[in-house]
Amino acid sequence: PWKMKKIKLVLYGQPMSKQSVRQGRTKAGKSIFYQPAKYKVRSKDYYYQIIKQLPENFQMFEKKVYIEKLKFCFQPLAAHKRSKKISEFLASGGEIEKTTKPDLSDNLKKLLFDTFGGVVFKDDSLICKENNVSKVYSITAKIEIEISGE
């Protein structure tokens, strides 16, 4: 079968960072560990968007994965919408770099890469290089990703 060397995907929706597992207590006082349901919902949404965009006969990367481009696009802030100049800039396709939380380095990628595991690549431990990773404000909330590998 044919083996893909490079793919580009766009996942629509506000990017979401995945927090660490939380600890709570049952009514009986027993400790439990859990992830809030919103992460499962977003992961399922990403999964269906990924499946729709993968080429026919796609075989997941099993040796090496290179993240060629990864852009997290967040919806504009209320302050951006109040400024006519900024609103027009964003409406024309412009982007503004985002310098606030969530952190780009780990939490923002965690939910995305967990969803890709077993679908696009065997496991996120195969990622050996990342280039052109950014987070911006954009008129459309989405994640753009280009992946190559073996």
Protein backbone atom coordinates (compact mmCIF):
# COMPACT_ATOMS: atom_id res chain seq x y z
CA PRO A 1 0.00 0.00 0.00
CA TRP A 2 0.88 3.62 -0.60
CA LYS A 3 2.72 5.41 2.23
CA MET A 4 2.14 9.13 2.81
CA LYS A 5 5.19 11.32 3.32
CA LYS A 6 3.52 14.66 4.08
CA ILE A 7 0.05 15.81 5.17
CA LYS A 8 -1.62 19.13 5.94
CA LEU A 9 -4.63 19.38 8.23
CA VAL A 10 -6.83 22.19 9.52
CA LEU A 11 -8.86 21.58 12.66
CA TYR A 12 -11.56 24.16 13.36
CA GLY A 13 -12.51 25.35 16.83
CA GLN A 14 -10.84 27.27 19.64
CA PRO A 15 -7.51 25.58 20.55
CA MET A 16 -7.63 24.08 24.03
CA SER A 17 -4.77 23.26 26.37
CA LYS A 18 -4.91 19.98 28.26
CA GLN A 19 -4.25 20.27 31.96
CA SER A 20 -2.79 17.55 34.14
CA VAL A 21 -5.05 14.91 35.61
CA ARG A 22 -7.12 16.26 38.50
CA GLN A 23 -7.72 14.63 41.84
CA GLY A 24 -11.06 14.61 43.61
CA ARG A 25 -12.95 12.65 46.23
CA THR A 26 -16.05 10.50 46.04
CA LYS A 27 -18.90 11.00 48.53
CA ALA A 28 -17.39 8.12 50.50
CA GLY A 29 -14.09 10.05 50.73
CA LYS A 30 -12.12 7.85 48.33
CA SER A 31 -9.54 9.64 46.12
CA ILE A 32 -10.22 9.57 42.39
CA PHE A 33 -8.26 10.92 39.42
CA TYR A 34 -10.03 12.31 36.37
CA GLN A 35 -9.89 14.56 33.30
CA PRO A 36 -12.74 17.05 32.83
CA ALA A 37 -15.25 15.94 30.16
CA LYS A 38 -14.52 18.96 27.92
CA TYR A 39 -11.21 17.34 26.89
CA LYS A 40 -12.95 14.16 25.69
CA VAL A 41 -15.47 16.24 23.72
CA ARG A 42 -12.76 18.33 22.00
CA SER A 43 -10.59 15.28 21.33
CA LYS A 44 -13.53 13.49 19.67
CA ASP A 45 -14.24 16.60 17.57
CA TYR A 46 -10.58 16.74 16.45
CA TYR A 47 -10.65 13.00 15.70
CA TYR A 48 -13.60 13.30 13.30
CA GLN A 49 -12.06 16.33 11.59
CA ILE A 50 -8.76 14.45 11.15
CA ILE A 51 -10.45 11.32 9.72
CA LYS A 52 -12.36 13.41 7.14
CA GLN A 53 -9.14 15.06 5.91
CA LEU A 54 -6.83 12.06 5.71
CA PRO A 55 -6.23 10.77 2.17
CA GLU A 56 -7.66 7.43 1.12
CA ASN A 57 -5.26 4.54 1.92
CA PHE A 58 -3.44 6.71 4.47
CA GLN A 59 -0.97 4.79 6.61
CA MET A 60 0.10 6.38 9.86
CA PHE A 61 3.68 7.44 10.47
CA GLU A 62 5.48 4.69 12.38
CA LYS A 63 9.17 5.65 12.36
CA LYS A 64 9.80 9.40 12.47
CA VAL A 65 7.52 12.43 12.64
CA TYR A 66 8.47 16.02 11.79
CA ILE A 67 6.13 18.85 12.65
CA GLU A 68 6.84 21.22 9.76
CA LYS A 69 4.26 23.82 10.80
CA LEU A 70 1.92 24.11 13.76
CA LYS A 71 -0.20 27.21 14.21
CA PHE A 72 -2.78 27.68 16.96
CA CYS A 73 -5.24 30.39 15.92
CA PHE A 74 -7.39 31.89 18.70
CA GLN A 75 -10.49 34.04 18.35
CA PRO A 76 -9.82 37.78 18.71
CA LEU A 77 -10.24 39.42 22.11
CA ALA A 78 -13.07 41.88 22.83
CA ALA A 79 -10.43 44.65 22.78
CA HIS A 80 -9.46 43.63 19.24
CA LYS A 81 -13.09 43.87 18.14
CA ARG A 82 -13.46 47.37 19.62
CA SER A 83 -10.55 48.69 17.57
CA LYS A 84 -11.59 49.35 13.98
CA LYS A 85 -7.97 49.23 12.79
CA ILE A 86 -7.31 45.82 14.42
CA SER A 87 -10.70 44.42 13.34
CA GLU A 88 -10.01 45.37 9.73
CA PHE A 89 -6.49 43.92 9.94
CA LEU A 90 -7.81 40.58 11.24
CA ALA A 91 -10.71 40.56 8.75
CA SER A 92 -8.21 40.95 5.89
CA GLY A 93 -6.44 37.76 6.98
CA GLY A 94 -3.92 39.36 9.31
CA GLU A 95 -2.77 37.73 12.53
CA ILE A 96 -1.55 39.07 15.87
CA GLU A 97 0.93 37.05 17.94
CA LYS A 98 -0.58 35.79 21.20
CA THR A 99 1.66 36.31 24.23
CA THR A 100 -0.73 35.17 26.97
CA LYS A 101 -1.71 31.75 28.33
CA PRO A 102 -1.99 28.93 27.48
CA ASP A 103 1.70 28.03 27.17
CA LEU A 104 2.75 27.06 23.69
CA SER A 105 5.41 24.60 24.75
CA ASP A 106 3.49 21.71 26.25
CA ASN A 107 -0.14 21.96 27.33
CA LEU A 108 -1.42 23.38 24.05
CA LYS A 109 0.10 20.54 22.01
CA LYS A 110 -0.81 17.76 24.47
CA LEU A 111 -4.52 17.36 23.58
CA LEU A 112 -3.78 17.63 19.86
CA PHE A 113 -0.95 15.08 19.86
CA ASP A 114 -2.88 12.70 22.12
CA THR A 115 -5.69 12.73 19.53
CA PHE A 116 -3.22 12.17 16.66
CA GLY A 117 -1.75 9.11 18.42
CA GLY A 118 -2.93 5.89 16.78
CA VAL A 119 -4.48 7.83 13.87
CA VAL A 120 -1.83 10.02 12.21
CA PHE A 121 1.22 8.65 13.99
CA LYS A 122 1.76 5.57 16.13
CA ASP A 123 2.71 7.61 19.22
CA ASP A 124 3.75 11.20 19.91
CA SER A 125 7.15 9.94 21.09
CA LEU A 126 7.98 9.60 17.35
CA ILE A 127 8.05 13.41 17.01
CA CYS A 128 11.73 14.25 16.65
CA LYS A 129 11.58 17.79 15.27
CA GLU A 130 9.27 20.80 15.38
CA ASN A 131 9.58 23.86 13.16
CA ASN A 132 7.47 26.97 12.76
CA VAL A 133 5.30 26.57 15.88
CA SER A 134 3.19 29.59 16.81
CA LYS A 135 0.05 30.88 18.52
CA VAL A 136 -1.84 33.86 17.14
CA TYR A 137 -5.13 35.71 17.18
CA SER A 138 -6.96 35.20 13.92
CA ILE A 139 -10.48 35.80 12.59
CA THR A 140 -11.05 32.00 12.53
CA ALA A 141 -10.30 29.79 15.53
CA LYS A 142 -8.41 26.75 14.24
CA ILE A 143 -5.21 24.71 14.28
CA GLU A 144 -3.12 24.39 11.12
CA ILE A 145 -0.60 21.56 11.03
CA GLU A 146 1.79 20.17 8.44
CA ILE A 147 3.43 16.84 9.23
CA SER A 148 6.02 14.82 7.36
CA GLY A 149 7.77 11.61 8.24
CA GLU A 150 8.17 7.90 7.65
